[in-house]
């Protein structure tokens, strides 16, 4: 499987998103200065959960309002957790899209540094760290999956399509290589 399988060639939409929680740095510094590891961990975890909740809420907005294929959708919390909605929101670095190097393209398309204040490090980590970014697919058959092992021939093809040398492609896809 591949994410492109969930784009209808007769006309379809793909979306992108990037959200983050700002403003916790001064509190984290205070907790660290006070050697309060518990509050530090708790605040970071809470910020991460807020970022995920915001991403989930935006996905609902896309399904119900912007793309309108799920108008009137009434999902329980359990149904949301079980992802019983149409569409997916895979993120670079996760099983369906293991290559983090897709993030700069997404950030460029969204103008994320300007519109959200999010930035990327050289290794594609998001800053602030309580952030979520990814893609929206609304195809009725879209489902989450994990990219299997990548063979040498696939790696070479990927490097060619991305316009990078083989060593760079190997660094990006190392966890999935045979």
N, C-alpha and C. Protein backbone atom coordinates (compact mmCIF):
# COMPACT_ATOMS: atom_id res chain seq x y z
N UNK A 1 0.84 -1.19 0.00
CA UNK A 1 0.00 0.00 0.00
C UNK A 1 0.88 1.24 0.00
N UNK A 2 0.28 2.31 -0.44
CA UNK A 2 0.97 3.59 -0.47
C UNK A 2 -0.09 4.69 -0.35
N UNK A 3 0.29 5.82 0.20
CA UNK A 3 -0.68 6.90 0.40
C UNK A 3 -1.29 7.37 -0.92
N UNK A 4 -0.54 7.28 -2.00
CA UNK A 4 -1.08 7.68 -3.31
C UNK A 4 -2.27 6.81 -3.73
N UNK A 5 -2.39 5.61 -3.15
CA UNK A 5 -3.54 4.76 -3.44
C UNK A 5 -4.85 5.43 -3.02
N UNK A 6 -4.75 6.40 -2.12
CA UNK A 6 -5.95 7.05 -1.58
C UNK A 6 -6.22 8.41 -2.20
N UNK A 7 -5.72 8.61 -3.41
CA UNK A 7 -6.01 9.84 -4.15
C UNK A 7 -6.69 9.40 -5.45
N UNK A 8 -7.93 9.81 -5.63
CA UNK A 8 -8.71 9.47 -6.82
C UNK A 8 -8.20 10.29 -7.99
N UNK A 9 -7.77 9.62 -9.04
CA UNK A 9 -7.21 10.30 -10.20
C UNK A 9 -8.25 11.12 -10.96
N UNK A 10 -9.54 10.85 -10.73
CA UNK A 10 -10.60 11.59 -11.41
C UNK A 10 -10.94 12.90 -10.71
N UNK A 11 -10.19 13.24 -9.70
CA UNK A 11 -10.42 14.49 -8.97
C UNK A 11 -10.59 14.22 -7.49
N UNK A 12 -9.67 14.69 -6.74
CA UNK A 12 -9.70 14.45 -5.31
C UNK A 12 -8.95 15.57 -4.61
N UNK A 13 -9.03 15.59 -3.33
CA UNK A 13 -8.35 16.58 -2.52
C UNK A 13 -7.36 15.88 -1.60
N UNK A 14 -6.28 16.56 -1.34
CA UNK A 14 -5.36 16.17 -0.28
C UNK A 14 -5.09 17.46 0.48
N UNK A 15 -5.06 17.36 1.78
CA UNK A 15 -4.83 18.54 2.59
C UNK A 15 -3.60 18.38 3.46
N UNK A 16 -3.20 19.45 4.06
CA UNK A 16 -2.08 19.43 4.99
C UNK A 16 -2.41 20.25 6.21
N UNK A 17 -1.74 19.93 7.30
CA UNK A 17 -1.96 20.68 8.53
C UNK A 17 -0.67 20.69 9.34
N UNK A 18 -0.56 21.70 10.18
CA UNK A 18 0.53 21.80 11.14
C UNK A 18 0.02 22.62 12.31
N UNK A 19 0.05 22.05 13.48
CA UNK A 19 -0.42 22.73 14.69
C UNK A 19 0.60 22.55 15.80
N UNK A 20 0.64 23.50 16.71
CA UNK A 20 1.57 23.39 17.82
C UNK A 20 1.10 24.20 19.01
N UNK A 21 1.64 23.86 20.15
CA UNK A 21 1.32 24.55 21.40
C UNK A 21 2.52 25.41 21.78
N UNK A 22 2.28 26.69 21.85
CA UNK A 22 3.33 27.65 22.19
C UNK A 22 3.12 28.15 23.62
N UNK A 23 4.19 28.68 24.21
CA UNK A 23 4.06 29.38 25.48
C UNK A 23 4.41 28.60 26.73
N UNK A 24 4.93 27.38 26.57
CA UNK A 24 5.25 26.62 27.79
C UNK A 24 6.72 26.73 28.19
N UNK A 25 7.55 27.33 27.33
CA UNK A 25 9.00 27.35 27.59
C UNK A 25 9.38 28.00 28.92
N UNK A 26 8.76 29.12 29.24
CA UNK A 26 9.12 29.79 30.50
C UNK A 26 8.73 28.94 31.71
N UNK A 27 7.63 28.22 31.60
CA UNK A 27 7.20 27.34 32.69
C UNK A 27 8.14 26.14 32.82
N UNK A 28 8.54 25.57 31.68
CA UNK A 28 9.48 24.45 31.69
C UNK A 28 10.80 24.89 32.33
N UNK A 29 11.28 26.09 31.97
CA UNK A 29 12.54 26.61 32.55
C UNK A 29 12.41 26.76 34.06
N UNK A 30 11.25 27.23 34.50
CA UNK A 30 11.03 27.39 35.94
C UNK A 30 11.02 26.04 36.65
N UNK A 31 10.36 25.05 36.05
CA UNK A 31 10.33 23.72 36.66
C UNK A 31 11.73 23.11 36.71
N UNK A 32 12.49 23.28 35.63
CA UNK A 32 13.85 22.75 35.60
C UNK A 32 14.72 23.43 36.65
N UNK A 33 14.60 24.75 36.77
CA UNK A 33 15.39 25.49 37.76
C UNK A 33 15.05 25.03 39.17
N UNK A 34 13.79 24.66 39.39
CA UNK A 34 13.35 24.18 40.71
C UNK A 34 13.49 22.68 40.87
N UNK A 35 14.11 22.01 39.90
CA UNK A 35 14.31 20.55 39.92
C UNK A 35 12.99 19.82 40.10
N UNK A 36 11.95 20.37 39.47
CA UNK A 36 10.61 19.78 39.56
C UNK A 36 10.34 18.97 38.30
N UNK A 37 10.92 17.78 38.24
CA UNK A 37 10.79 16.93 37.06
C UNK A 37 9.33 16.52 36.81
N UNK A 38 8.58 16.33 37.88
CA UNK A 38 7.19 15.90 37.74
C UNK A 38 6.37 16.94 36.98
N UNK A 39 6.44 18.20 37.39
CA UNK A 39 5.69 19.25 36.72
C UNK A 39 6.18 19.44 35.27
N UNK A 40 7.49 19.32 35.07
CA UNK A 40 8.08 19.43 33.74
C UNK A 40 7.48 18.37 32.81
N UNK A 41 7.49 17.13 33.24
CA UNK A 41 6.95 16.02 32.44
C UNK A 41 5.45 16.19 32.23
N UNK A 42 4.76 16.58 33.28
CA UNK A 42 3.31 16.74 33.20
C UNK A 42 2.92 17.83 32.20
N UNK A 43 3.60 18.97 32.24
CA UNK A 43 3.27 20.06 31.32
C UNK A 43 3.57 19.66 29.88
N UNK A 44 4.70 19.00 29.65
CA UNK A 44 5.03 18.55 28.29
C UNK A 44 4.00 17.56 27.77
N UNK A 45 3.57 16.63 28.62
CA UNK A 45 2.56 15.65 28.22
C UNK A 45 1.23 16.33 27.91
N UNK A 46 0.86 17.30 28.74
CA UNK A 46 -0.38 18.03 28.52
C UNK A 46 -0.33 18.82 27.20
N UNK A 47 0.79 19.47 26.94
CA UNK A 47 0.95 20.21 25.69
C UNK A 47 0.86 19.26 24.49
N UNK A 48 1.48 18.09 24.59
CA UNK A 48 1.39 17.10 23.50
C UNK A 48 -0.05 16.68 23.26
N UNK A 49 -0.80 16.44 24.33
CA UNK A 49 -2.20 16.03 24.20
C UNK A 49 -3.04 17.14 23.58
N UNK A 50 -2.78 18.40 23.97
CA UNK A 50 -3.50 19.52 23.37
C UNK A 50 -3.22 19.63 21.88
N UNK A 51 -1.96 19.43 21.48
CA UNK A 51 -1.62 19.47 20.06
C UNK A 51 -2.37 18.38 19.30
N UNK A 52 -2.40 17.18 19.84
CA UNK A 52 -3.14 16.08 19.20
C UNK A 52 -4.64 16.38 19.13
N UNK A 53 -5.18 16.93 20.21
CA UNK A 53 -6.61 17.26 20.22
C UNK A 53 -6.93 18.34 19.18
N UNK A 54 -6.04 19.31 19.05
CA UNK A 54 -6.23 20.36 18.06
C UNK A 54 -6.20 19.76 16.65
N UNK A 55 -5.25 18.87 16.39
CA UNK A 55 -5.16 18.22 15.08
C UNK A 55 -6.43 17.41 14.81
N UNK A 56 -6.93 16.72 15.81
CA UNK A 56 -8.15 15.93 15.65
C UNK A 56 -9.35 16.83 15.36
N UNK A 57 -9.42 17.96 16.06
CA UNK A 57 -10.53 18.90 15.84
C UNK A 57 -10.46 19.50 14.44
N UNK A 58 -9.26 19.83 13.98
CA UNK A 58 -9.13 20.34 12.61
C UNK A 58 -9.55 19.30 11.59
N UNK A 59 -9.20 18.03 11.84
CA UNK A 59 -9.61 16.97 10.92
C UNK A 59 -11.14 16.88 10.87
N UNK A 60 -11.78 17.00 12.00
CA UNK A 60 -13.24 17.00 12.04
C UNK A 60 -13.80 18.17 11.22
N UNK A 61 -13.19 19.34 11.37
CA UNK A 61 -13.62 20.52 10.62
C UNK A 61 -13.49 20.29 9.12
N UNK A 62 -12.40 19.67 8.70
CA UNK A 62 -12.20 19.36 7.28
C UNK A 62 -13.28 18.39 6.81
N UNK A 63 -13.50 17.32 7.57
CA UNK A 63 -14.49 16.30 7.17
C UNK A 63 -15.89 16.89 7.07
N UNK A 64 -16.27 17.69 8.07
CA UNK A 64 -17.65 18.15 8.16
C UNK A 64 -17.93 19.46 7.43
N UNK A 65 -16.98 20.37 7.44
CA UNK A 65 -17.24 21.71 6.91
C UNK A 65 -16.54 21.98 5.57
N UNK A 66 -15.22 21.86 5.55
CA UNK A 66 -14.47 22.27 4.36
C UNK A 66 -14.71 21.33 3.19
N UNK A 67 -14.55 20.04 3.41
CA UNK A 67 -14.78 19.08 2.33
C UNK A 67 -16.21 18.55 2.35
N UNK A 68 -16.85 18.60 3.50
CA UNK A 68 -18.27 18.32 3.63
C UNK A 68 -18.74 16.90 3.37
N UNK A 69 -17.86 15.93 3.39
CA UNK A 69 -18.30 14.56 3.13
C UNK A 69 -18.81 13.86 4.39
N UNK A 70 -18.71 14.50 5.54
CA UNK A 70 -19.16 13.88 6.78
C UNK A 70 -20.08 14.83 7.55
N UNK A 71 -20.88 15.58 6.83
CA UNK A 71 -21.79 16.51 7.49
C UNK A 71 -22.71 15.73 8.43
N UNK A 72 -22.91 16.27 9.61
CA UNK A 72 -23.77 15.62 10.58
C UNK A 72 -23.11 14.46 11.31
N UNK A 73 -21.85 14.23 11.07
CA UNK A 73 -21.12 13.15 11.75
C UNK A 73 -21.20 13.35 13.26
N UNK A 74 -21.63 12.34 13.97
CA UNK A 74 -21.75 12.38 15.43
C UNK A 74 -21.01 11.18 16.01
N UNK A 75 -19.73 11.36 16.31
CA UNK A 75 -18.93 10.26 16.81
C UNK A 75 -18.72 10.36 18.32
N UNK A 76 -18.81 9.23 18.98
CA UNK A 76 -18.49 9.20 20.40
C UNK A 76 -16.97 9.27 20.57
N UNK A 77 -16.55 9.51 21.78
CA UNK A 77 -15.11 9.53 22.06
C UNK A 77 -14.49 8.19 21.68
N UNK A 78 -15.16 7.10 22.01
CA UNK A 78 -14.64 5.77 21.67
C UNK A 78 -14.52 5.59 20.16
N UNK A 79 -15.51 6.06 19.41
CA UNK A 79 -15.47 5.95 17.95
C UNK A 79 -14.32 6.78 17.37
N UNK A 80 -14.05 7.94 17.96
CA UNK A 80 -12.92 8.76 17.52
C UNK A 80 -11.60 8.04 17.79
N UNK A 81 -11.47 7.47 18.98
CA UNK A 81 -10.25 6.76 19.33
C UNK A 81 -10.04 5.57 18.39
N UNK A 82 -11.11 4.90 18.01
CA UNK A 82 -11.03 3.76 17.10
C UNK A 82 -10.96 4.19 15.63
N UNK A 83 -10.90 5.51 15.42
CA UNK A 83 -10.79 6.09 14.08
C UNK A 83 -11.89 5.60 13.15
N UNK A 84 -13.12 5.65 13.65
CA UNK A 84 -14.26 5.18 12.88
C UNK A 84 -14.88 6.32 12.07
N UNK A 85 -14.05 7.10 11.45
CA UNK A 85 -14.50 8.17 10.59
C UNK A 85 -13.90 7.93 9.21
N UNK A 86 -14.44 8.62 8.24
CA UNK A 86 -13.90 8.51 6.89
C UNK A 86 -12.67 9.40 6.79
N UNK A 87 -11.63 8.89 6.14
CA UNK A 87 -10.42 9.66 5.93
C UNK A 87 -9.36 9.36 6.97
N UNK A 88 -8.15 9.80 6.67
CA UNK A 88 -7.03 9.61 7.58
C UNK A 88 -6.19 10.89 7.61
N UNK A 89 -5.34 11.01 8.63
CA UNK A 89 -4.41 12.13 8.73
C UNK A 89 -3.02 11.62 9.10
N UNK A 90 -2.38 10.91 8.16
CA UNK A 90 -1.04 10.39 8.44
C UNK A 90 -0.02 11.51 8.53
N UNK A 91 1.02 11.25 9.29
CA UNK A 91 2.06 12.25 9.52
C UNK A 91 3.43 11.71 9.11
N UNK A 92 4.27 12.57 8.53
CA UNK A 92 5.64 12.14 8.23
C UNK A 92 6.34 11.64 9.50
N UNK A 93 6.98 10.49 9.35
CA UNK A 93 7.65 9.89 10.50
C UNK A 93 6.86 8.78 11.15
N UNK A 94 5.60 8.61 10.75
CA UNK A 94 4.77 7.55 11.30
C UNK A 94 4.68 6.41 10.29
N UNK A 95 4.11 5.27 10.68
CA UNK A 95 4.19 4.06 9.86
C UNK A 95 3.78 4.18 8.40
N UNK A 96 2.75 4.96 8.07
CA UNK A 96 2.32 5.06 6.68
C UNK A 96 3.18 6.01 5.86
N UNK A 97 4.00 6.79 6.53
CA UNK A 97 4.83 7.80 5.87
C UNK A 97 6.12 7.95 6.69
N UNK A 98 6.98 6.92 6.69
CA UNK A 98 8.12 6.91 7.61
C UNK A 98 9.21 7.94 7.34
N UNK A 99 9.18 8.57 6.20
CA UNK A 99 10.23 9.51 5.82
C UNK A 99 9.91 10.91 6.35
N UNK A 100 10.67 11.34 7.35
CA UNK A 100 10.48 12.68 7.93
C UNK A 100 10.81 13.79 6.94
N UNK A 101 11.55 13.48 5.88
CA UNK A 101 11.98 14.52 4.95
C UNK A 101 10.81 15.11 4.15
N UNK A 102 9.61 14.58 4.30
CA UNK A 102 8.44 15.18 3.66
C UNK A 102 7.98 16.43 4.40
N UNK A 103 8.41 16.59 5.65
CA UNK A 103 7.97 17.75 6.45
C UNK A 103 8.34 19.09 5.83
N UNK A 104 9.58 19.29 5.33
CA UNK A 104 9.88 20.60 4.74
C UNK A 104 8.96 20.97 3.57
N UNK A 105 8.59 19.99 2.75
CA UNK A 105 7.67 20.27 1.64
C UNK A 105 6.31 20.69 2.18
N UNK A 106 5.82 19.97 3.19
CA UNK A 106 4.55 20.30 3.82
C UNK A 106 4.62 21.69 4.45
N UNK A 107 5.69 21.97 5.18
CA UNK A 107 5.84 23.27 5.83
C UNK A 107 5.91 24.40 4.81
N UNK A 108 6.56 24.16 3.68
CA UNK A 108 6.61 25.17 2.62
C UNK A 108 5.22 25.44 2.05
N UNK A 109 4.47 24.36 1.76
CA UNK A 109 3.13 24.52 1.21
C UNK A 109 2.21 25.29 2.16
N UNK A 110 2.35 25.02 3.45
CA UNK A 110 1.50 25.67 4.44
C UNK A 110 2.05 27.01 4.92
N UNK A 111 3.29 27.34 4.52
CA UNK A 111 4.00 28.49 5.07
C UNK A 111 3.93 28.43 6.61
N UNK A 112 4.19 27.23 7.13
CA UNK A 112 4.01 26.95 8.55
C UNK A 112 4.77 27.90 9.49
N UNK A 113 6.02 28.26 9.20
CA UNK A 113 6.69 29.19 10.13
C UNK A 113 5.93 30.51 10.30
N UNK A 114 5.36 31.01 9.21
CA UNK A 114 4.62 32.27 9.28
C UNK A 114 3.23 32.09 9.86
N UNK A 115 2.52 31.06 9.39
CA UNK A 115 1.12 30.89 9.79
C UNK A 115 0.94 30.24 11.16
N UNK A 116 1.91 29.45 11.59
CA UNK A 116 1.75 28.74 12.87
C UNK A 116 2.87 29.01 13.86
N UNK A 117 3.99 29.56 13.40
CA UNK A 117 5.14 29.75 14.27
C UNK A 117 5.95 28.48 14.48
N UNK A 118 5.62 27.41 13.76
CA UNK A 118 6.37 26.16 13.88
C UNK A 118 7.58 26.20 12.96
N UNK A 119 8.66 25.60 13.41
CA UNK A 119 9.85 25.48 12.59
C UNK A 119 10.36 24.05 12.65
N UNK A 120 11.29 23.74 11.74
CA UNK A 120 11.89 22.41 11.70
C UNK A 120 13.38 22.52 11.98
N UNK A 121 13.90 21.52 12.67
CA UNK A 121 15.34 21.43 12.88
C UNK A 121 15.97 20.76 11.66
N UNK A 122 17.29 20.68 11.63
CA UNK A 122 17.98 20.02 10.52
C UNK A 122 17.57 18.56 10.37
N UNK A 123 17.19 17.92 11.48
CA UNK A 123 16.78 16.52 11.45
C UNK A 123 15.26 16.36 11.35
N UNK A 124 14.57 17.44 10.98
CA UNK A 124 13.13 17.46 10.73
C UNK A 124 12.26 17.36 11.98
N UNK A 125 12.83 17.60 13.15
CA UNK A 125 12.01 17.67 14.36
C UNK A 125 11.29 19.02 14.37
N UNK A 126 10.08 19.04 14.90
CA UNK A 126 9.30 20.27 14.94
C UNK A 126 9.58 21.03 16.23
N UNK A 127 9.55 22.37 16.10
CA UNK A 127 9.72 23.24 17.28
C UNK A 127 8.62 24.26 17.26
N UNK A 128 7.85 24.43 18.35
CA UNK A 128 8.01 23.73 19.61
C UNK A 128 7.69 22.24 19.48
N UNK A 129 8.16 21.50 20.46
CA UNK A 129 8.06 20.03 20.35
C UNK A 129 6.63 19.51 20.49
N UNK A 130 5.76 20.26 21.13
CA UNK A 130 4.36 19.86 21.22
C UNK A 130 3.67 20.30 19.93
N UNK A 131 3.89 19.53 18.87
CA UNK A 131 3.38 19.88 17.56
C UNK A 131 3.01 18.62 16.79
N UNK A 132 2.08 18.78 15.86
CA UNK A 132 1.63 17.69 15.01
C UNK A 132 1.47 18.26 13.60
N UNK A 133 1.96 17.52 12.63
CA UNK A 133 1.75 17.93 11.23
C UNK A 133 1.50 16.69 10.41
N UNK A 134 0.84 16.88 9.30
CA UNK A 134 0.57 15.73 8.44
C UNK A 134 -0.33 16.10 7.29
N UNK A 135 -0.96 15.08 6.74
CA UNK A 135 -1.78 15.21 5.54
C UNK A 135 -3.20 14.72 5.82
N UNK A 136 -4.15 15.28 5.09
CA UNK A 136 -5.53 14.81 5.14
C UNK A 136 -5.83 14.08 3.85
N UNK A 137 -6.40 12.89 3.98
CA UNK A 137 -6.90 12.12 2.85
C UNK A 137 -8.36 11.82 3.14
N UNK A 138 -9.26 12.16 2.21
CA UNK A 138 -10.68 11.93 2.42
C UNK A 138 -11.25 10.74 1.67
N UNK A 139 -10.41 10.02 0.96
CA UNK A 139 -10.87 8.87 0.16
C UNK A 139 -11.65 7.90 1.05
N UNK A 140 -12.78 7.39 0.58
CA UNK A 140 -13.60 6.50 1.40
C UNK A 140 -12.89 5.22 1.84
N UNK A 141 -11.88 4.79 1.10
CA UNK A 141 -11.18 3.55 1.45
C UNK A 141 -9.86 3.81 2.18
N UNK A 142 -9.56 5.07 2.46
CA UNK A 142 -8.31 5.39 3.15
C UNK A 142 -8.29 4.76 4.53
N UNK A 143 -7.17 4.15 4.86
CA UNK A 143 -7.00 3.54 6.18
C UNK A 143 -5.53 3.61 6.54
N UNK A 144 -5.27 3.53 7.83
CA UNK A 144 -3.89 3.58 8.29
C UNK A 144 -3.21 2.24 8.03
N UNK A 145 -1.93 2.29 7.74
CA UNK A 145 -1.14 1.10 7.47
C UNK A 145 0.30 1.43 7.78
N UNK A 146 1.11 0.42 7.81
CA UNK A 146 2.54 0.62 8.00
C UNK A 146 3.30 0.22 6.76
N UNK A 147 4.25 1.05 6.35
CA UNK A 147 5.10 0.71 5.21
C UNK A 147 5.94 -0.51 5.61
N UNK A 148 5.94 -1.49 4.75
CA UNK A 148 6.70 -2.71 5.02
C UNK A 148 8.19 -2.47 4.78
N UNK A 149 8.94 -3.52 4.79
CA UNK A 149 10.37 -3.43 4.52
C UNK A 149 10.60 -2.91 3.11
N UNK A 150 11.60 -2.06 2.95
CA UNK A 150 11.92 -1.46 1.66
C UNK A 150 13.14 -2.17 1.10
N UNK A 151 12.98 -2.75 -0.09
CA UNK A 151 14.09 -3.45 -0.74
C UNK A 151 15.03 -2.48 -1.44
N UNK A 152 16.16 -2.99 -1.85
CA UNK A 152 17.19 -2.18 -2.51
C UNK A 152 16.65 -1.51 -3.78
N UNK A 153 15.90 -2.27 -4.58
CA UNK A 153 15.35 -1.71 -5.82
C UNK A 153 14.39 -0.56 -5.53
N UNK A 154 13.59 -0.70 -4.47
CA UNK A 154 12.66 0.36 -4.09
C UNK A 154 13.42 1.59 -3.58
N UNK A 155 14.47 1.34 -2.80
CA UNK A 155 15.29 2.43 -2.29
C UNK A 155 15.92 3.22 -3.44
N UNK A 156 16.45 2.52 -4.41
CA UNK A 156 17.07 3.18 -5.56
C UNK A 156 16.04 3.99 -6.35
N UNK A 157 14.85 3.42 -6.54
CA UNK A 157 13.78 4.13 -7.24
C UNK A 157 13.37 5.38 -6.45
N UNK A 158 13.24 5.23 -5.15
CA UNK A 158 12.85 6.35 -4.29
C UNK A 158 13.88 7.47 -4.37
N UNK A 159 15.16 7.12 -4.26
CA UNK A 159 16.22 8.12 -4.33
C UNK A 159 16.15 8.88 -5.65
N UNK A 160 15.91 8.16 -6.75
CA UNK A 160 15.80 8.80 -8.05
C UNK A 160 14.62 9.75 -8.13
N UNK A 161 13.47 9.30 -7.63
CA UNK A 161 12.28 10.15 -7.67
C UNK A 161 12.41 11.38 -6.78
N UNK A 162 13.11 11.25 -5.66
CA UNK A 162 13.31 12.39 -4.76
C UNK A 162 14.50 13.26 -5.17
N UNK A 163 15.30 12.77 -6.10
CA UNK A 163 16.44 13.55 -6.56
C UNK A 163 17.55 13.67 -5.54
N UNK A 164 17.76 12.60 -4.76
CA UNK A 164 18.83 12.58 -3.76
C UNK A 164 19.73 11.38 -4.00
N UNK A 165 20.93 11.44 -3.45
CA UNK A 165 21.82 10.29 -3.62
C UNK A 165 21.35 9.14 -2.73
N UNK A 166 21.84 7.96 -3.03
CA UNK A 166 21.42 6.75 -2.33
C UNK A 166 21.70 6.82 -0.83
N UNK A 167 22.84 7.38 -0.46
CA UNK A 167 23.19 7.49 0.97
C UNK A 167 22.17 8.34 1.72
N UNK A 168 21.71 9.43 1.10
CA UNK A 168 20.70 10.28 1.74
C UNK A 168 19.39 9.51 1.91
N UNK A 169 18.95 8.83 0.87
CA UNK A 169 17.71 8.04 0.95
C UNK A 169 17.83 6.96 2.02
N UNK A 170 18.99 6.36 2.13
CA UNK A 170 19.21 5.34 3.17
C UNK A 170 19.07 5.95 4.56
N UNK A 171 19.59 7.15 4.77
CA UNK A 171 19.46 7.82 6.08
C UNK A 171 17.98 8.08 6.40
N UNK A 172 17.23 8.53 5.39
CA UNK A 172 15.83 8.85 5.62
C UNK A 172 14.98 7.62 5.91
N UNK A 173 15.30 6.51 5.27
CA UNK A 173 14.46 5.32 5.37
C UNK A 173 15.08 4.17 6.16
N UNK A 174 16.17 4.44 6.86
CA UNK A 174 16.93 3.40 7.55
C UNK A 174 16.05 2.41 8.35
N UNK A 175 15.09 2.84 9.14
CA UNK A 175 14.31 1.85 9.91
C UNK A 175 13.51 0.87 9.06
N UNK A 176 13.26 1.22 7.79
CA UNK A 176 12.44 0.37 6.93
C UNK A 176 13.24 -0.43 5.91
N UNK A 177 14.56 -0.32 5.97
CA UNK A 177 15.37 -1.01 4.97
C UNK A 177 15.60 -2.47 5.31
N UNK A 178 15.68 -3.30 4.25
CA UNK A 178 16.01 -4.72 4.44
C UNK A 178 17.45 -4.85 4.86
